[in-house]
Amino acid sequence: MSLLFHVANVINSSQVNIPQPKADADTIKHGLTVLYQIVGALAFLLILIAALRYVINGGDPNKVTEAKRMIAYTLVGVAVIVLAATIVGYVLGA
């Protein structure tokens, strides 16, 4: 850990020009909105693929179970993303 502090002190004392990102709340909200749209599109695509696999399974019970599991996992993932978006929105709004 002391090596990390030493490197940080060397960087601070030298004329190293490290870019500093300017991320205000609006920039973060915009980035997260784009991320949520991408995740939503992927979730829709996964549910669509799972539904097609459910319909076109050829009567195989293993494929039906796999398709149901894929839909359930996708919905759980969407619920987690919605919860995360709610928490982040609350934190950024506070």
N, C-alpha and C. Protein backbone atom coordinates (compact mmCIF):
# COMPACT_ATOMS: atom_id res chain seq x y z
N MET A 1 0.82 -1.18 0.00
CA MET A 1 0.00 0.00 0.00
C MET A 1 0.87 1.25 0.00
N SER A 2 2.02 1.19 0.67
CA SER A 2 2.88 2.36 0.72
C SER A 2 3.45 2.68 -0.66
N LEU A 3 3.62 1.67 -1.49
CA LEU A 3 4.08 1.91 -2.86
C LEU A 3 3.05 2.72 -3.63
N LEU A 4 1.79 2.44 -3.42
CA LEU A 4 0.72 3.19 -4.08
C LEU A 4 0.73 4.65 -3.64
N PHE A 5 0.92 4.90 -2.34
CA PHE A 5 1.00 6.28 -1.86
C PHE A 5 2.22 6.98 -2.42
N HIS A 6 3.34 6.27 -2.53
CA HIS A 6 4.56 6.85 -3.08
C HIS A 6 4.34 7.26 -4.54
N VAL A 7 3.72 6.39 -5.32
CA VAL A 7 3.44 6.71 -6.72
C VAL A 7 2.50 7.90 -6.82
N ALA A 8 1.50 7.96 -5.96
CA ALA A 8 0.57 9.10 -5.96
C ALA A 8 1.28 10.39 -5.62
N ASN A 9 2.20 10.35 -4.67
CA ASN A 9 2.96 11.55 -4.32
C ASN A 9 3.87 12.00 -5.44
N VAL A 10 4.48 11.06 -6.14
CA VAL A 10 5.33 11.40 -7.28
C VAL A 10 4.51 12.06 -8.37
N ILE A 11 3.33 11.52 -8.64
CA ILE A 11 2.46 12.09 -9.67
C ILE A 11 2.00 13.49 -9.26
N ASN A 12 1.65 13.69 -7.99
CA ASN A 12 1.21 15.00 -7.52
C ASN A 12 2.32 16.03 -7.58
N SER A 13 3.53 15.64 -7.26
CA SER A 13 4.63 16.60 -7.21
C SER A 13 5.19 16.92 -8.59
N SER A 14 4.97 16.07 -9.57
CA SER A 14 5.53 16.30 -10.90
C SER A 14 4.55 17.10 -11.74
N GLN A 15 4.96 17.36 -12.94
CA GLN A 15 4.13 18.12 -13.87
C GLN A 15 3.37 17.19 -14.81
N VAL A 16 2.96 16.04 -14.30
CA VAL A 16 2.20 15.10 -15.11
C VAL A 16 0.81 15.68 -15.33
N ASN A 17 0.40 15.74 -16.57
CA ASN A 17 -0.88 16.33 -16.91
C ASN A 17 -1.92 15.22 -17.07
N ILE A 18 -2.60 14.90 -15.98
CA ILE A 18 -3.62 13.85 -15.99
C ILE A 18 -4.96 14.51 -16.26
N PRO A 19 -5.69 14.04 -17.27
CA PRO A 19 -6.99 14.66 -17.56
C PRO A 19 -7.98 14.43 -16.42
N GLN A 20 -8.72 15.44 -16.10
CA GLN A 20 -9.73 15.37 -15.05
C GLN A 20 -11.11 15.40 -15.69
N PRO A 21 -11.87 14.32 -15.55
CA PRO A 21 -13.20 14.32 -16.15
C PRO A 21 -14.13 15.27 -15.41
N LYS A 22 -14.99 15.89 -16.16
CA LYS A 22 -15.97 16.79 -15.56
C LYS A 22 -17.34 16.11 -15.67
N ALA A 23 -17.70 15.38 -14.63
CA ALA A 23 -18.96 14.64 -14.64
C ALA A 23 -19.90 15.24 -13.62
N ASP A 24 -20.80 16.07 -14.11
CA ASP A 24 -21.81 16.60 -13.21
C ASP A 24 -23.02 15.66 -13.22
N ALA A 25 -24.04 16.00 -12.47
CA ALA A 25 -25.20 15.12 -12.33
C ALA A 25 -25.92 14.92 -13.66
N ASP A 26 -25.98 15.95 -14.50
CA ASP A 26 -26.66 15.81 -15.79
C ASP A 26 -25.93 14.84 -16.72
N THR A 27 -24.60 14.90 -16.71
CA THR A 27 -23.81 13.98 -17.54
C THR A 27 -24.01 12.54 -17.08
N ILE A 28 -24.01 12.34 -15.78
CA ILE A 28 -24.20 11.00 -15.24
C ILE A 28 -25.61 10.50 -15.56
N LYS A 29 -26.61 11.37 -15.41
CA LYS A 29 -27.99 10.97 -15.72
C LYS A 29 -28.13 10.59 -17.19
N HIS A 30 -27.49 11.37 -18.08
CA HIS A 30 -27.57 11.07 -19.51
C HIS A 30 -26.89 9.73 -19.82
N GLY A 31 -25.72 9.50 -19.24
CA GLY A 31 -25.03 8.24 -19.46
C GLY A 31 -25.81 7.06 -18.95
N LEU A 32 -26.42 7.22 -17.78
CA LEU A 32 -27.23 6.14 -17.22
C LEU A 32 -28.50 5.90 -18.04
N THR A 33 -29.08 6.97 -18.58
CA THR A 33 -30.26 6.81 -19.43
C THR A 33 -29.92 5.98 -20.66
N VAL A 34 -28.79 6.27 -21.27
CA VAL A 34 -28.35 5.49 -22.43
C VAL A 34 -28.12 4.03 -22.02
N LEU A 35 -27.48 3.83 -20.88
CA LEU A 35 -27.23 2.47 -20.40
C LEU A 35 -28.54 1.73 -20.14
N TYR A 36 -29.52 2.39 -19.54
CA TYR A 36 -30.81 1.76 -19.28
C TYR A 36 -31.53 1.41 -20.57
N GLN A 37 -31.41 2.26 -21.58
CA GLN A 37 -32.04 1.97 -22.86
C GLN A 37 -31.40 0.75 -23.52
N ILE A 38 -30.08 0.64 -23.43
CA ILE A 38 -29.39 -0.52 -24.00
C ILE A 38 -29.79 -1.79 -23.26
N VAL A 39 -29.84 -1.72 -21.93
CA VAL A 39 -30.22 -2.90 -21.14
C VAL A 39 -31.67 -3.29 -21.42
N GLY A 40 -32.54 -2.30 -21.57
CA GLY A 40 -33.94 -2.58 -21.90
C GLY A 40 -34.08 -3.26 -23.25
N ALA A 41 -33.32 -2.78 -24.23
CA ALA A 41 -33.37 -3.39 -25.56
C ALA A 41 -32.84 -4.82 -25.51
N LEU A 42 -31.77 -5.04 -24.77
CA LEU A 42 -31.24 -6.40 -24.64
C LEU A 42 -32.22 -7.32 -23.91
N ALA A 43 -32.88 -6.80 -22.89
CA ALA A 43 -33.87 -7.62 -22.16
C ALA A 43 -35.03 -7.98 -23.08
N PHE A 44 -35.49 -7.01 -23.86
CA PHE A 44 -36.57 -7.29 -24.81
C PHE A 44 -36.13 -8.35 -25.81
N LEU A 45 -34.91 -8.24 -26.32
CA LEU A 45 -34.40 -9.22 -27.28
C LEU A 45 -34.29 -10.61 -26.64
N LEU A 46 -33.82 -10.67 -25.41
CA LEU A 46 -33.70 -11.97 -24.74
C LEU A 46 -35.07 -12.60 -24.48
N ILE A 47 -36.05 -11.80 -24.09
CA ILE A 47 -37.39 -12.34 -23.88
C ILE A 47 -37.98 -12.81 -25.20
N LEU A 48 -37.75 -12.05 -26.26
CA LEU A 48 -38.23 -12.45 -27.58
C LEU A 48 -37.60 -13.77 -28.03
N ILE A 49 -36.31 -13.91 -27.83
CA ILE A 49 -35.62 -15.15 -28.20
C ILE A 49 -36.14 -16.31 -27.36
N ALA A 50 -36.32 -16.09 -26.05
CA ALA A 50 -36.83 -17.15 -25.18
C ALA A 50 -38.24 -17.55 -25.56
N ALA A 51 -39.07 -16.57 -25.93
CA ALA A 51 -40.44 -16.87 -26.34
C ALA A 51 -40.44 -17.69 -27.63
N LEU A 52 -39.58 -17.34 -28.56
CA LEU A 52 -39.49 -18.12 -29.79
C LEU A 52 -39.00 -19.54 -29.50
N ARG A 53 -38.05 -19.66 -28.60
CA ARG A 53 -37.56 -20.99 -28.23
C ARG A 53 -38.66 -21.80 -27.54
N TYR A 54 -39.52 -21.11 -26.79
CA TYR A 54 -40.62 -21.79 -26.12
C TYR A 54 -41.64 -22.30 -27.13
N VAL A 55 -41.93 -21.48 -28.14
CA VAL A 55 -42.94 -21.85 -29.13
C VAL A 55 -42.39 -22.92 -30.08
N ILE A 56 -41.14 -22.77 -30.50
CA ILE A 56 -40.55 -23.69 -31.48
C ILE A 56 -39.61 -24.64 -30.75
N ASN A 57 -40.16 -25.49 -29.89
CA ASN A 57 -39.31 -26.39 -29.13
C ASN A 57 -39.40 -27.83 -29.60
N GLY A 58 -40.35 -28.14 -30.44
CA GLY A 58 -40.48 -29.51 -30.93
C GLY A 58 -41.01 -30.47 -29.89
N GLY A 59 -41.65 -29.97 -28.84
CA GLY A 59 -42.22 -30.85 -27.82
C GLY A 59 -41.21 -31.37 -26.81
N ASP A 60 -40.01 -30.85 -26.82
CA ASP A 60 -38.97 -31.31 -25.89
C ASP A 60 -39.15 -30.59 -24.55
N PRO A 61 -39.43 -31.32 -23.47
CA PRO A 61 -39.65 -30.68 -22.17
C PRO A 61 -38.41 -29.95 -21.63
N ASN A 62 -37.23 -30.43 -21.99
CA ASN A 62 -36.00 -29.76 -21.54
C ASN A 62 -35.88 -28.37 -22.17
N LYS A 63 -36.25 -28.26 -23.43
CA LYS A 63 -36.18 -26.96 -24.10
C LYS A 63 -37.23 -26.00 -23.56
N VAL A 64 -38.40 -26.54 -23.21
CA VAL A 64 -39.44 -25.70 -22.61
C VAL A 64 -38.96 -25.16 -21.27
N THR A 65 -38.38 -26.02 -20.46
CA THR A 65 -37.85 -25.60 -19.16
C THR A 65 -36.75 -24.57 -19.32
N GLU A 66 -35.88 -24.79 -20.29
CA GLU A 66 -34.79 -23.84 -20.54
C GLU A 66 -35.33 -22.48 -20.98
N ALA A 67 -36.35 -22.47 -21.83
CA ALA A 67 -36.94 -21.21 -22.28
C ALA A 67 -37.63 -20.49 -21.12
N LYS A 68 -38.35 -21.23 -20.28
CA LYS A 68 -38.99 -20.61 -19.12
C LYS A 68 -37.95 -20.02 -18.17
N ARG A 69 -36.87 -20.75 -17.98
CA ARG A 69 -35.80 -20.27 -17.11
C ARG A 69 -35.16 -19.00 -17.68
N MET A 70 -35.00 -18.96 -18.99
CA MET A 70 -34.41 -17.79 -19.65
C MET A 70 -35.32 -16.57 -19.46
N ILE A 71 -36.61 -16.77 -19.60
CA ILE A 71 -37.55 -15.66 -19.39
C ILE A 71 -37.52 -15.20 -17.93
N ALA A 72 -37.50 -16.14 -17.01
CA ALA A 72 -37.49 -15.78 -15.59
C ALA A 72 -36.21 -15.02 -15.23
N TYR A 73 -35.07 -15.49 -15.69
CA TYR A 73 -33.81 -14.82 -15.38
C TYR A 73 -33.75 -13.43 -16.00
N THR A 74 -34.30 -13.29 -17.19
CA THR A 74 -34.33 -11.97 -17.82
C THR A 74 -35.22 -11.02 -17.03
N LEU A 75 -36.37 -11.48 -16.57
CA LEU A 75 -37.25 -10.63 -15.79
C LEU A 75 -36.63 -10.26 -14.44
N VAL A 76 -35.91 -11.18 -13.83
CA VAL A 76 -35.20 -10.87 -12.58
C VAL A 76 -34.12 -9.82 -12.85
N GLY A 77 -33.42 -9.95 -13.96
CA GLY A 77 -32.41 -8.96 -14.32
C GLY A 77 -33.01 -7.59 -14.55
N VAL A 78 -34.16 -7.55 -15.21
CA VAL A 78 -34.84 -6.27 -15.43
C VAL A 78 -35.27 -5.66 -14.10
N ALA A 79 -35.75 -6.49 -13.19
CA ALA A 79 -36.15 -5.99 -11.87
C ALA A 79 -34.95 -5.42 -11.12
N VAL A 80 -33.81 -6.06 -11.21
CA VAL A 80 -32.60 -5.56 -10.56
C VAL A 80 -32.19 -4.22 -11.17
N ILE A 81 -32.26 -4.12 -12.50
CA ILE A 81 -31.90 -2.87 -13.17
C ILE A 81 -32.86 -1.75 -12.78
N VAL A 82 -34.15 -2.05 -12.71
CA VAL A 82 -35.12 -1.03 -12.30
C VAL A 82 -34.86 -0.57 -10.87
N LEU A 83 -34.55 -1.51 -9.99
CA LEU A 83 -34.23 -1.16 -8.62
C LEU A 83 -32.96 -0.31 -8.55
N ALA A 84 -31.95 -0.68 -9.32
CA ALA A 84 -30.71 0.10 -9.36
C ALA A 84 -30.97 1.50 -9.90
N ALA A 85 -31.79 1.61 -10.94
CA ALA A 85 -32.11 2.92 -11.51
C ALA A 85 -32.85 3.78 -10.49
N THR A 86 -33.73 3.17 -9.72
CA THR A 86 -34.46 3.90 -8.69
C THR A 86 -33.52 4.41 -7.61
N ILE A 87 -32.61 3.57 -7.18
CA ILE A 87 -31.65 3.97 -6.15
C ILE A 87 -30.73 5.08 -6.65
N VAL A 88 -30.21 4.94 -7.86
CA VAL A 88 -29.33 5.95 -8.43
C VAL A 88 -30.08 7.26 -8.62
N GLY A 89 -31.32 7.19 -9.10
CA GLY A 89 -32.12 8.40 -9.26
C GLY A 89 -32.37 9.10 -7.94
N TYR A 90 -32.58 8.33 -6.90
CA TYR A 90 -32.79 8.91 -5.57
C TYR A 90 -31.52 9.58 -5.06
N VAL A 91 -30.38 8.90 -5.25
CA VAL A 91 -29.11 9.45 -4.78
C VAL A 91 -28.74 10.71 -5.54
N LEU A 92 -28.92 10.71 -6.86
CA LEU A 92 -28.59 11.89 -7.65
C LEU A 92 -29.56 13.03 -7.38
N GLY A 93 -30.79 12.71 -7.02
CA GLY A 93 -31.76 13.75 -6.72
C GLY A 93 -31.63 14.33 -5.33
N ALA A 94 -30.95 13.60 -4.45
CA ALA A 94 -30.83 14.07 -3.06
C ALA A 94 -29.83 15.19 -2.91
